[in-house]
Amino acid sequence: MDEAKQWYLVRMKPPVNPNRHTVLAENGAGEIERRFVIEVMLERRGFDVFLPTQKLWRRWSKYTRDKRLVTYPLLPGWIFVGWPECEQRWAQLFDVPLVHAVAAVDGKPFRIPPNVMDRLFDEWGDRQAPDREAFMRTHREFDVGDLARIVEGPFEGHTVRVIDLHGAVAHAVFELLGGERVIEIDTRVLEVA
């Protein structure tokens, strides 16, 4: 049986090197992956951590349209930290260089109820942008049913209604010569209207 945990919301200090938020480290499955520095520091000291993140498709170079998944925290500057109920680990927690403060109510650290943590694990567990967004313009992603604007080519400035998406190809309804036509168009030349 798992021992009950007490969970707290912890405020982080900004890293000394603002360009160094992540490191290559081993995950729970023994694989090497890019992880946030604060997660690694706390886990190495024996804490349980939960850092809600979302993975979004972003260009990795300004010279190419290729994208890769980039992980961003949902609550920048905050992390959930837990340890067994029977232990008092405040000294070890504040001994971690990047720990700044703990969310408190009336001057006392606020312990997050277990049912709230369970809901957070379920809702914020593993968020990843759909693969189809890898082919779309950054910060201008769209979905089926959305209106999208054509931003390149002979029909630049026209609006279409997206009815289907398959990889880098969108099927859309386009008004042409007084009627509607279903067209196939590259998602890289579209952006949300």
N, C-alpha and C. Protein backbone atom coordinates (compact mmCIF):
# COMPACT_ATOMS: atom_id res chain seq x y z
N MET A 1 0.84 -1.20 0.00
CA MET A 1 0.00 0.00 0.00
C MET A 1 0.87 1.24 0.00
N ASP A 2 0.52 2.20 -0.84
CA ASP A 2 1.25 3.46 -0.91
C ASP A 2 1.04 4.28 0.34
N GLU A 3 2.13 4.84 0.82
CA GLU A 3 2.03 5.71 1.98
C GLU A 3 1.43 7.05 1.53
N ALA A 4 0.56 7.62 2.36
CA ALA A 4 -0.08 8.89 2.01
C ALA A 4 0.97 9.99 1.91
N LYS A 5 0.76 10.88 0.94
CA LYS A 5 1.69 11.98 0.71
C LYS A 5 1.05 13.30 1.08
N GLN A 6 1.88 14.23 1.50
CA GLN A 6 1.43 15.60 1.68
C GLN A 6 2.03 16.41 0.53
N TRP A 7 1.19 17.22 -0.10
CA TRP A 7 1.60 17.97 -1.29
C TRP A 7 1.48 19.47 -1.03
N TYR A 8 2.47 20.21 -1.55
CA TYR A 8 2.49 21.67 -1.41
C TYR A 8 2.86 22.29 -2.75
N LEU A 9 2.38 23.51 -2.97
CA LEU A 9 2.72 24.26 -4.16
C LEU A 9 3.92 25.14 -3.83
N VAL A 10 5.02 24.95 -4.56
CA VAL A 10 6.28 25.62 -4.24
C VAL A 10 6.64 26.62 -5.34
N ARG A 11 7.03 27.82 -4.91
CA ARG A 11 7.47 28.88 -5.83
C ARG A 11 8.97 28.71 -6.06
N MET A 12 9.38 28.81 -7.33
CA MET A 12 10.79 28.64 -7.68
C MET A 12 11.44 29.99 -7.90
N LYS A 13 12.75 30.04 -7.63
CA LYS A 13 13.55 31.21 -8.00
C LYS A 13 13.88 31.08 -9.47
N PRO A 14 14.06 32.20 -10.16
CA PRO A 14 14.51 32.07 -11.55
C PRO A 14 15.93 31.51 -11.57
N PRO A 15 16.26 30.69 -12.55
CA PRO A 15 17.61 30.14 -12.60
C PRO A 15 18.65 31.23 -12.82
N VAL A 16 19.87 31.00 -12.34
CA VAL A 16 20.95 31.97 -12.51
C VAL A 16 21.20 32.20 -14.00
N ASN A 17 21.17 31.14 -14.78
CA ASN A 17 21.31 31.26 -16.23
C ASN A 17 19.91 31.15 -16.83
N PRO A 18 19.32 32.27 -17.28
CA PRO A 18 17.93 32.23 -17.76
C PRO A 18 17.72 31.36 -18.99
N ASN A 19 18.79 31.00 -19.68
CA ASN A 19 18.67 30.14 -20.85
C ASN A 19 18.79 28.67 -20.49
N ARG A 20 18.91 28.35 -19.22
CA ARG A 20 19.14 26.97 -18.80
C ARG A 20 18.02 26.50 -17.89
N HIS A 21 16.85 26.22 -18.47
CA HIS A 21 15.71 25.73 -17.70
C HIS A 21 15.65 24.21 -17.69
N THR A 22 16.30 23.58 -18.67
CA THR A 22 16.22 22.13 -18.80
C THR A 22 17.61 21.51 -18.88
N VAL A 23 17.68 20.22 -18.55
CA VAL A 23 18.91 19.44 -18.66
C VAL A 23 18.55 18.06 -19.19
N LEU A 24 19.53 17.34 -19.70
CA LEU A 24 19.31 15.95 -20.08
C LEU A 24 19.46 15.12 -18.81
N ALA A 25 18.42 14.35 -18.48
CA ALA A 25 18.44 13.54 -17.27
C ALA A 25 17.61 12.29 -17.49
N GLU A 26 17.78 11.34 -16.59
CA GLU A 26 17.05 10.08 -16.68
C GLU A 26 15.63 10.28 -16.14
N ASN A 27 14.66 9.69 -16.84
CA ASN A 27 13.29 9.74 -16.35
C ASN A 27 13.00 8.50 -15.52
N GLY A 28 11.78 8.34 -15.07
CA GLY A 28 11.40 7.20 -14.24
C GLY A 28 11.54 5.86 -14.93
N ALA A 29 11.51 5.84 -16.26
CA ALA A 29 11.62 4.59 -17.02
C ALA A 29 13.07 4.27 -17.40
N GLY A 30 14.02 5.05 -16.90
CA GLY A 30 15.42 4.80 -17.19
C GLY A 30 15.89 5.34 -18.52
N GLU A 31 15.08 6.16 -19.19
CA GLU A 31 15.46 6.75 -20.48
C GLU A 31 15.98 8.17 -20.26
N ILE A 32 16.91 8.58 -21.11
CA ILE A 32 17.44 9.94 -21.04
C ILE A 32 16.53 10.86 -21.85
N GLU A 33 16.10 11.95 -21.22
CA GLU A 33 15.25 12.92 -21.90
C GLU A 33 15.52 14.30 -21.33
N ARG A 34 15.03 15.32 -22.00
CA ARG A 34 15.18 16.68 -21.52
C ARG A 34 14.15 16.93 -20.42
N ARG A 35 14.64 17.39 -19.25
CA ARG A 35 13.76 17.63 -18.10
C ARG A 35 14.09 18.98 -17.48
N PHE A 36 13.14 19.53 -16.73
CA PHE A 36 13.36 20.82 -16.08
C PHE A 36 14.31 20.66 -14.90
N VAL A 37 15.20 21.64 -14.73
CA VAL A 37 16.24 21.58 -13.70
C VAL A 37 15.64 21.39 -12.32
N ILE A 38 14.60 22.14 -11.98
CA ILE A 38 14.01 22.05 -10.63
C ILE A 38 13.47 20.66 -10.35
N GLU A 39 12.87 20.01 -11.36
CA GLU A 39 12.38 18.64 -11.19
C GLU A 39 13.51 17.71 -10.81
N VAL A 40 14.59 17.78 -11.53
CA VAL A 40 15.74 16.90 -11.31
C VAL A 40 16.34 17.15 -9.93
N MET A 41 16.50 18.42 -9.56
CA MET A 41 17.09 18.75 -8.26
C MET A 41 16.26 18.20 -7.10
N LEU A 42 14.94 18.37 -7.18
CA LEU A 42 14.07 17.90 -6.10
C LEU A 42 14.01 16.38 -6.05
N GLU A 43 13.93 15.72 -7.22
CA GLU A 43 13.88 14.26 -7.23
C GLU A 43 15.16 13.65 -6.68
N ARG A 44 16.29 14.25 -6.98
CA ARG A 44 17.57 13.73 -6.46
C ARG A 44 17.66 13.86 -4.95
N ARG A 45 16.87 14.74 -4.36
CA ARG A 45 16.84 14.89 -2.90
C ARG A 45 15.71 14.07 -2.26
N GLY A 46 15.04 13.24 -3.08
CA GLY A 46 14.04 12.31 -2.55
C GLY A 46 12.62 12.83 -2.48
N PHE A 47 12.34 13.97 -3.11
CA PHE A 47 10.98 14.50 -3.12
C PHE A 47 10.19 13.93 -4.29
N ASP A 48 8.88 13.85 -4.13
CA ASP A 48 7.99 13.56 -5.26
C ASP A 48 7.65 14.91 -5.87
N VAL A 49 7.66 14.98 -7.19
CA VAL A 49 7.36 16.25 -7.85
C VAL A 49 6.31 16.05 -8.93
N PHE A 50 5.54 17.10 -9.15
CA PHE A 50 4.58 17.12 -10.24
C PHE A 50 4.66 18.51 -10.87
N LEU A 51 5.18 18.54 -12.08
CA LEU A 51 5.29 19.79 -12.81
C LEU A 51 4.37 19.68 -14.02
N PRO A 52 3.17 20.30 -13.94
CA PRO A 52 2.23 20.23 -15.07
C PRO A 52 2.83 20.93 -16.28
N THR A 53 2.86 20.23 -17.40
CA THR A 53 3.45 20.78 -18.61
C THR A 53 2.53 20.56 -19.80
N GLN A 54 2.82 21.26 -20.86
CA GLN A 54 2.17 21.03 -22.14
C GLN A 54 3.25 21.02 -23.21
N LYS A 55 3.08 20.15 -24.18
CA LYS A 55 4.05 20.06 -25.28
C LYS A 55 3.41 20.68 -26.52
N LEU A 56 4.11 21.67 -27.07
CA LEU A 56 3.62 22.39 -28.23
C LEU A 56 4.63 22.28 -29.37
N TRP A 57 4.14 22.33 -30.59
CA TRP A 57 5.02 22.28 -31.76
C TRP A 57 5.57 23.67 -32.00
N ARG A 58 6.90 23.78 -32.04
CA ARG A 58 7.57 25.06 -32.27
C ARG A 58 8.72 24.87 -33.27
N ARG A 59 8.97 25.91 -34.07
CA ARG A 59 10.09 25.86 -35.00
C ARG A 59 11.39 25.81 -34.22
N TRP A 60 12.33 24.99 -34.64
CA TRP A 60 13.59 24.88 -33.92
C TRP A 60 14.67 25.74 -34.54
N SER A 61 14.38 26.36 -35.68
CA SER A 61 15.33 27.25 -36.32
C SER A 61 14.56 28.26 -37.16
N LYS A 62 15.05 29.47 -37.20
CA LYS A 62 14.38 30.48 -38.02
C LYS A 62 14.62 30.27 -39.50
N TYR A 63 15.52 29.34 -39.83
CA TYR A 63 15.86 29.08 -41.23
C TYR A 63 15.09 27.92 -41.85
N THR A 64 14.22 27.29 -41.09
CA THR A 64 13.48 26.15 -41.60
C THR A 64 12.05 26.18 -41.07
N ARG A 65 11.16 25.51 -41.75
CA ARG A 65 9.78 25.41 -41.26
C ARG A 65 9.58 24.20 -40.38
N ASP A 66 10.59 23.35 -40.27
CA ASP A 66 10.47 22.14 -39.46
C ASP A 66 10.22 22.51 -38.00
N LYS A 67 9.41 21.71 -37.35
CA LYS A 67 9.08 21.95 -35.95
C LYS A 67 9.44 20.73 -35.10
N ARG A 68 9.53 20.94 -33.80
CA ARG A 68 9.72 19.85 -32.85
C ARG A 68 8.85 20.16 -31.63
N LEU A 69 8.59 19.13 -30.84
CA LEU A 69 7.79 19.33 -29.63
C LEU A 69 8.65 20.00 -28.56
N VAL A 70 8.13 21.09 -27.99
CA VAL A 70 8.82 21.81 -26.93
C VAL A 70 7.91 21.79 -25.71
N THR A 71 8.48 21.49 -24.54
CA THR A 71 7.71 21.40 -23.31
C THR A 71 7.73 22.73 -22.57
N TYR A 72 6.53 23.20 -22.20
CA TYR A 72 6.37 24.43 -21.44
C TYR A 72 5.60 24.12 -20.16
N PRO A 73 5.99 24.74 -19.03
CA PRO A 73 5.21 24.54 -17.80
C PRO A 73 3.87 25.25 -17.89
N LEU A 74 2.82 24.62 -17.35
CA LEU A 74 1.49 25.25 -17.33
C LEU A 74 1.44 26.36 -16.28
N LEU A 75 2.20 26.22 -15.21
CA LEU A 75 2.27 27.23 -14.16
C LEU A 75 3.72 27.70 -14.04
N PRO A 76 4.19 28.58 -14.92
CA PRO A 76 5.59 28.98 -14.87
C PRO A 76 5.98 29.51 -13.49
N GLY A 77 7.09 29.02 -12.99
CA GLY A 77 7.59 29.46 -11.69
C GLY A 77 7.06 28.67 -10.50
N TRP A 78 6.20 27.69 -10.74
CA TRP A 78 5.61 26.90 -9.65
C TRP A 78 5.77 25.41 -9.93
N ILE A 79 5.84 24.61 -8.86
CA ILE A 79 5.92 23.16 -8.96
C ILE A 79 5.25 22.55 -7.73
N PHE A 80 4.60 21.41 -7.90
CA PHE A 80 4.00 20.70 -6.77
C PHE A 80 5.04 19.74 -6.21
N VAL A 81 5.23 19.78 -4.88
CA VAL A 81 6.23 18.94 -4.22
C VAL A 81 5.53 18.15 -3.12
N GLY A 82 5.85 16.85 -3.05
CA GLY A 82 5.23 15.99 -2.04
C GLY A 82 6.26 15.12 -1.34
N TRP A 83 5.88 14.69 -0.13
CA TRP A 83 6.67 13.74 0.64
C TRP A 83 5.75 13.03 1.61
N PRO A 84 6.18 11.89 2.20
CA PRO A 84 5.29 11.12 3.09
C PRO A 84 4.77 11.96 4.25
N GLU A 85 3.52 11.67 4.64
CA GLU A 85 2.86 12.43 5.72
C GLU A 85 3.63 12.37 7.03
N CYS A 86 4.28 11.28 7.29
CA CYS A 86 4.95 11.10 8.58
C CYS A 86 6.26 11.88 8.70
N GLU A 87 6.71 12.51 7.62
CA GLU A 87 8.00 13.20 7.63
C GLU A 87 7.83 14.72 7.61
N GLN A 88 8.77 15.40 8.23
CA GLN A 88 8.87 16.86 8.16
C GLN A 88 10.13 17.16 7.37
N ARG A 89 10.00 17.68 6.14
CA ARG A 89 11.15 17.85 5.25
C ARG A 89 11.36 19.30 4.83
N TRP A 90 10.92 20.22 5.66
CA TRP A 90 11.01 21.63 5.29
C TRP A 90 12.46 22.08 5.14
N ALA A 91 13.33 21.64 6.02
CA ALA A 91 14.74 22.05 5.94
C ALA A 91 15.37 21.57 4.63
N GLN A 92 15.09 20.31 4.27
CA GLN A 92 15.65 19.77 3.02
C GLN A 92 15.06 20.50 1.80
N LEU A 93 13.77 20.86 1.89
CA LEU A 93 13.13 21.55 0.78
C LEU A 93 13.78 22.91 0.55
N PHE A 94 13.95 23.68 1.61
CA PHE A 94 14.51 25.02 1.45
C PHE A 94 16.02 25.01 1.27
N ASP A 95 16.62 23.83 1.36
CA ASP A 95 18.05 23.68 1.08
C ASP A 95 18.30 23.57 -0.42
N VAL A 96 17.24 23.33 -1.20
CA VAL A 96 17.35 23.26 -2.66
C VAL A 96 17.52 24.69 -3.17
N PRO A 97 18.60 24.96 -3.93
CA PRO A 97 18.91 26.34 -4.33
C PRO A 97 17.80 27.07 -5.10
N LEU A 98 16.98 26.38 -5.87
CA LEU A 98 15.97 27.06 -6.67
C LEU A 98 14.63 27.23 -5.97
N VAL A 99 14.49 26.74 -4.74
CA VAL A 99 13.22 26.88 -4.01
C VAL A 99 13.18 28.25 -3.35
N HIS A 100 12.10 28.98 -3.61
CA HIS A 100 11.95 30.34 -3.08
C HIS A 100 10.96 30.40 -1.92
N ALA A 101 9.77 29.82 -2.10
CA ALA A 101 8.72 29.92 -1.08
C ALA A 101 7.69 28.83 -1.30
N VAL A 102 6.78 28.70 -0.34
CA VAL A 102 5.67 27.75 -0.42
C VAL A 102 4.37 28.54 -0.34
N ALA A 103 3.39 28.17 -1.16
CA ALA A 103 2.08 28.82 -1.10
C ALA A 103 1.52 28.65 0.31
N ALA A 104 1.06 29.75 0.91
CA ALA A 104 0.61 29.72 2.30
C ALA A 104 -0.72 30.43 2.46
N VAL A 105 -1.42 30.06 3.52
CA VAL A 105 -2.66 30.72 3.91
C VAL A 105 -2.49 31.12 5.38
N ASP A 106 -2.68 32.39 5.69
CA ASP A 106 -2.50 32.92 7.04
C ASP A 106 -1.12 32.60 7.60
N GLY A 107 -0.10 32.65 6.74
CA GLY A 107 1.27 32.43 7.18
C GLY A 107 1.68 30.98 7.36
N LYS A 108 0.77 30.03 7.08
CA LYS A 108 1.10 28.61 7.22
C LYS A 108 1.08 27.96 5.84
N PRO A 109 2.06 27.08 5.57
CA PRO A 109 2.05 26.39 4.26
C PRO A 109 0.72 25.69 4.03
N PHE A 110 0.17 25.90 2.83
CA PHE A 110 -1.12 25.30 2.49
C PHE A 110 -0.91 23.90 1.94
N ARG A 111 -1.41 22.92 2.66
CA ARG A 111 -1.32 21.52 2.22
C ARG A 111 -2.49 21.25 1.27
N ILE A 112 -2.16 20.79 0.07
CA ILE A 112 -3.18 20.55 -0.94
C ILE A 112 -3.89 19.23 -0.63
N PRO A 113 -5.23 19.25 -0.53
CA PRO A 113 -5.97 18.02 -0.22
C PRO A 113 -5.72 16.93 -1.27
N PRO A 114 -5.69 15.65 -0.85
CA PRO A 114 -5.41 14.54 -1.77
C PRO A 114 -6.37 14.47 -2.96
N ASN A 115 -7.66 14.77 -2.74
CA ASN A 115 -8.61 14.70 -3.85
C ASN A 115 -8.32 15.79 -4.90
N VAL A 116 -7.84 16.93 -4.47
CA VAL A 116 -7.47 17.99 -5.41
C VAL A 116 -6.24 17.56 -6.21
N MET A 117 -5.26 16.96 -5.55
CA MET A 117 -4.06 16.49 -6.26
C MET A 117 -4.43 15.40 -7.26
N ASP A 118 -5.32 14.50 -6.88
CA ASP A 118 -5.75 13.45 -7.81
C ASP A 118 -6.38 14.07 -9.07
N ARG A 119 -7.21 15.09 -8.87
CA ARG A 119 -7.84 15.76 -10.00
C ARG A 119 -6.79 16.47 -10.87
N LEU A 120 -5.80 17.09 -10.23
CA LEU A 120 -4.74 17.76 -10.98
C LEU A 120 -3.93 16.76 -11.80
N PHE A 121 -3.62 15.60 -11.21
CA PHE A 121 -2.89 14.56 -11.95
C PHE A 121 -3.68 14.14 -13.19
N ASP A 122 -4.99 13.97 -13.03
CA ASP A 122 -5.84 13.54 -14.15
C ASP A 122 -5.94 14.62 -15.24
N GLU A 123 -6.19 15.86 -14.82
CA GLU A 123 -6.45 16.93 -15.78
C GLU A 123 -5.18 17.48 -16.42
N TRP A 124 -4.09 17.55 -15.66
CA TRP A 124 -2.88 18.18 -16.15
C TRP A 124 -1.75 17.19 -16.38
N GLY A 125 -2.06 15.90 -16.37
CA GLY A 125 -1.03 14.88 -16.44
C GLY A 125 -0.10 14.98 -17.62
N ASP A 126 -0.57 14.77 -18.82
CA ASP A 126 0.31 14.76 -19.98
C ASP A 126 -0.40 15.43 -21.14
N ARG A 127 -0.10 16.70 -21.34
CA ARG A 127 -0.74 17.46 -22.42
C ARG A 127 0.23 17.58 -23.58
N GLN A 128 -0.25 17.19 -24.74
CA GLN A 128 0.59 17.31 -25.93
C GLN A 128 -0.26 17.80 -27.09
N ALA A 129 0.30 18.74 -27.81
CA ALA A 129 -0.39 19.28 -28.98
C ALA A 129 -0.55 18.18 -30.03
N PRO A 130 -1.64 18.19 -30.77
CA PRO A 130 -1.83 17.17 -31.82
C PRO A 130 -0.71 17.22 -32.86
N ASP A 131 -0.36 16.07 -33.40
CA ASP A 131 0.71 15.97 -34.38
C ASP A 131 0.48 16.85 -35.60
N ARG A 132 -0.78 17.08 -35.96
CA ARG A 132 -1.06 17.88 -37.15
C ARG A 132 -0.56 19.32 -37.00
N GLU A 133 -0.40 19.81 -35.77
CA GLU A 133 0.08 21.17 -35.56
C GLU A 133 1.55 21.34 -35.93
N ALA A 134 2.25 20.23 -36.14
CA ALA A 134 3.65 20.31 -36.56
C ALA A 134 3.79 20.97 -37.92
N PHE A 135 2.73 20.97 -38.71
CA PHE A 135 2.77 21.53 -40.06
C PHE A 135 2.13 22.91 -40.15
N MET A 136 1.65 23.44 -39.03
CA MET A 136 0.95 24.73 -39.04
C MET A 136 1.88 25.86 -38.58
N ARG A 137 1.47 27.07 -38.87
CA ARG A 137 2.22 28.24 -38.42
C ARG A 137 2.13 28.35 -36.90
N THR A 138 3.25 28.68 -36.28
CA THR A 138 3.32 28.79 -34.82
C THR A 138 2.42 29.91 -34.32
N HIS A 139 1.68 29.63 -33.27
CA HIS A 139 0.74 30.56 -32.62
C HIS A 139 -0.45 30.92 -33.52
N ARG A 140 -0.63 30.20 -34.62
CA ARG A 140 -1.76 30.46 -35.52
C ARG A 140 -2.44 29.15 -35.88
N GLU A 141 -2.37 28.17 -34.97
CA GLU A 141 -2.92 26.85 -35.22
C GLU A 141 -4.44 26.91 -35.29
N PHE A 142 -5.01 25.96 -36.01
CA PHE A 142 -6.46 25.90 -36.18
C PHE A 142 -6.90 24.45 -36.11
N ASP A 143 -8.20 24.22 -36.08
CA ASP A 143 -8.75 22.88 -35.97
C ASP A 143 -9.89 22.73 -36.98
N VAL A 144 -10.40 21.52 -37.09
CA VAL A 144 -11.52 21.26 -37.98
C VAL A 144 -12.71 22.12 -37.54
N GLY A 145 -13.35 22.77 -38.49
CA GLY A 145 -14.48 23.64 -38.21
C GLY A 145 -14.11 25.11 -38.08
N ASP A 146 -12.82 25.40 -37.94
CA ASP A 146 -12.37 26.79 -37.80
C ASP A 146 -12.30 27.47 -39.17
N LEU A 147 -12.39 28.79 -39.13
CA LEU A 147 -12.12 29.58 -40.33
C LEU A 147 -10.63 29.85 -40.36
N ALA A 148 -10.02 29.68 -41.54
CA ALA A 148 -8.59 29.91 -41.71
C ALA A 148 -8.37 30.86 -42.87
N ARG A 149 -7.35 31.70 -42.75
CA ARG A 149 -7.00 32.65 -43.77
C ARG A 149 -5.82 32.13 -44.58
N ILE A 150 -5.89 32.27 -45.90
CA ILE A 150 -4.77 31.88 -46.76
C ILE A 150 -3.77 33.04 -46.74
N VAL A 151 -2.50 32.74 -46.37
CA VAL A 151 -1.51 33.79 -46.19
C VAL A 151 -0.43 33.81 -47.27
N GLU A 152 -0.45 32.85 -48.20
CA GLU A 152 0.53 32.82 -49.29
C GLU A 152 -0.16 32.32 -50.54
N GLY A 153 0.37 32.73 -51.68
CA GLY A 153 -0.14 32.22 -52.94
C GLY A 153 -1.14 33.13 -53.61
N PRO A 154 -1.73 32.66 -54.72
CA PRO A 154 -2.63 33.51 -55.50
C PRO A 154 -3.93 33.86 -54.78
N PHE A 155 -4.33 33.07 -53.78
CA PHE A 155 -5.58 33.36 -53.06
C PHE A 155 -5.32 33.98 -51.69
N GLU A 156 -4.17 34.61 -51.54
CA GLU A 156 -3.78 35.24 -50.28
C GLU A 156 -4.86 36.21 -49.83
N GLY A 157 -5.22 36.13 -48.55
CA GLY A 157 -6.23 37.01 -47.97
C GLY A 157 -7.63 36.42 -47.95
N HIS A 158 -7.89 35.36 -48.73
CA HIS A 158 -9.19 34.71 -48.72
C HIS A 158 -9.34 33.82 -47.48
N THR A 159 -10.58 33.62 -47.07
CA THR A 159 -10.88 32.80 -45.90
C THR A 159 -11.56 31.51 -46.35
N VAL A 160 -11.18 30.41 -45.70
CA VAL A 160 -11.77 29.10 -45.97
C VAL A 160 -12.24 28.49 -44.66
N ARG A 161 -13.16 27.53 -44.75
CA ARG A 161 -13.62 26.79 -43.56
C ARG A 161 -13.00 25.39 -43.63
N VAL A 162 -12.22 25.04 -42.62
CA VAL A 162 -11.52 23.75 -42.60
C VAL A 162 -12.50 22.65 -42.24
N ILE A 163 -12.55 21.59 -43.08
CA ILE A 163 -13.48 20.49 -42.81
C ILE A 163 -12.76 19.19 -42.47
N ASP A 164 -11.44 19.11 -42.77
CA ASP A 164 -10.69 17.89 -42.47
C ASP A 164 -9.20 18.21 -42.47
N LEU A 165 -8.45 17.49 -41.65
CA LEU A 165 -7.00 17.67 -41.58
C LEU A 165 -6.31 16.31 -41.63
N HIS A 166 -5.31 16.19 -42.50
CA HIS A 166 -4.50 14.98 -42.62
C HIS A 166 -3.06 15.39 -42.79
N GLY A 167 -2.28 15.34 -41.71
CA GLY A 167 -0.87 15.73 -41.78
C GLY A 167 -0.74 17.18 -42.20
N ALA A 168 -0.02 17.41 -43.31
CA ALA A 168 0.24 18.77 -43.79
C ALA A 168 -0.82 19.24 -44.78
N VAL A 169 -1.91 18.48 -44.94
CA VAL A 169 -2.94 18.82 -45.92
C VAL A 169 -4.27 19.08 -45.20
N ALA A 170 -4.91 20.18 -45.61
CA ALA A 170 -6.23 20.51 -45.08
C ALA A 170 -7.24 20.45 -46.22
N HIS A 171 -8.40 19.90 -45.94
CA HIS A 171 -9.52 19.98 -46.87
C HIS A 171 -10.39 21.11 -46.35
N ALA A 172 -10.72 22.04 -47.25
CA ALA A 172 -11.44 23.22 -46.81
C ALA A 172 -12.49 23.62 -47.84
N VAL A 173 -13.49 24.32 -47.37
CA VAL A 173 -14.53 24.85 -48.24
C VAL A 173 -14.12 26.27 -48.62
N PHE A 174 -14.06 26.51 -49.94
CA PHE A 174 -13.59 27.77 -50.49
C PHE A 174 -14.68 28.32 -51.40
N GLU A 175 -15.06 29.58 -51.19
CA GLU A 175 -16.07 30.21 -52.05
C GLU A 175 -15.37 30.75 -53.29
N LEU A 176 -15.79 30.24 -54.45
CA LEU A 176 -15.16 30.61 -55.71
C LEU A 176 -16.23 30.77 -56.78
N LEU A 177 -16.25 31.88 -57.44
CA LEU A 177 -17.20 32.16 -58.53
C LEU A 177 -18.65 31.91 -58.13
N GLY A 178 -19.01 32.35 -56.95
CA GLY A 178 -20.38 32.28 -56.49
C GLY A 178 -20.80 30.93 -55.94
N GLY A 179 -19.89 29.96 -55.88
CA GLY A 179 -20.23 28.65 -55.33
C GLY A 179 -19.16 28.18 -54.36
N GLU A 180 -19.48 27.13 -53.63
CA GLU A 180 -18.53 26.57 -52.69
C GLU A 180 -17.83 25.37 -53.30
N ARG A 181 -16.52 25.31 -53.14
CA ARG A 181 -15.72 24.19 -53.63
C ARG A 181 -14.90 23.63 -52.48
N VAL A 182 -14.75 22.32 -52.45
CA VAL A 182 -13.87 21.69 -51.47
C VAL A 182 -12.49 21.61 -52.11
N ILE A 183 -11.52 22.18 -51.43
CA ILE A 183 -10.16 22.20 -51.96
C ILE A 183 -9.21 21.49 -51.00
N GLU A 184 -8.08 21.10 -51.52
CA GLU A 184 -7.00 20.53 -50.72
C GLU A 184 -5.90 21.58 -50.70
N ILE A 185 -5.43 21.95 -49.50
CA ILE A 185 -4.46 23.03 -49.38
C ILE A 185 -3.44 22.69 -48.29
N ASP A 186 -2.22 23.13 -48.50
CA ASP A 186 -1.13 22.92 -47.54
C ASP A 186 -1.42 23.73 -46.27
N THR A 187 -1.33 23.10 -45.10
CA THR A 187 -1.63 23.80 -43.85
C THR A 187 -0.60 24.89 -43.54
N ARG A 188 0.58 24.83 -44.15
CA ARG A 188 1.61 25.84 -43.89
C ARG A 188 1.26 27.20 -44.49
N VAL A 189 0.29 27.26 -45.39
CA VAL A 189 -0.11 28.54 -45.97
C VAL A 189 -1.42 29.05 -45.36
N LEU A 190 -1.85 28.40 -44.28
CA LEU A 190 -3.08 28.81 -43.60
C LEU A 190 -2.76 29.27 -42.18
N GLU A 191 -3.61 30.14 -41.66
CA GLU A 191 -3.55 30.51 -40.25
C GLU A 191 -4.96 30.78 -39.77
N VAL A 192 -5.18 30.63 -38.48
CA VAL A 192 -6.52 30.83 -37.94
C VAL A 192 -6.99 32.24 -38.25
N ALA A 193 -8.25 32.37 -38.68
CA ALA A 193 -8.79 33.69 -39.07
C ALA A 193 -9.28 34.46 -37.86
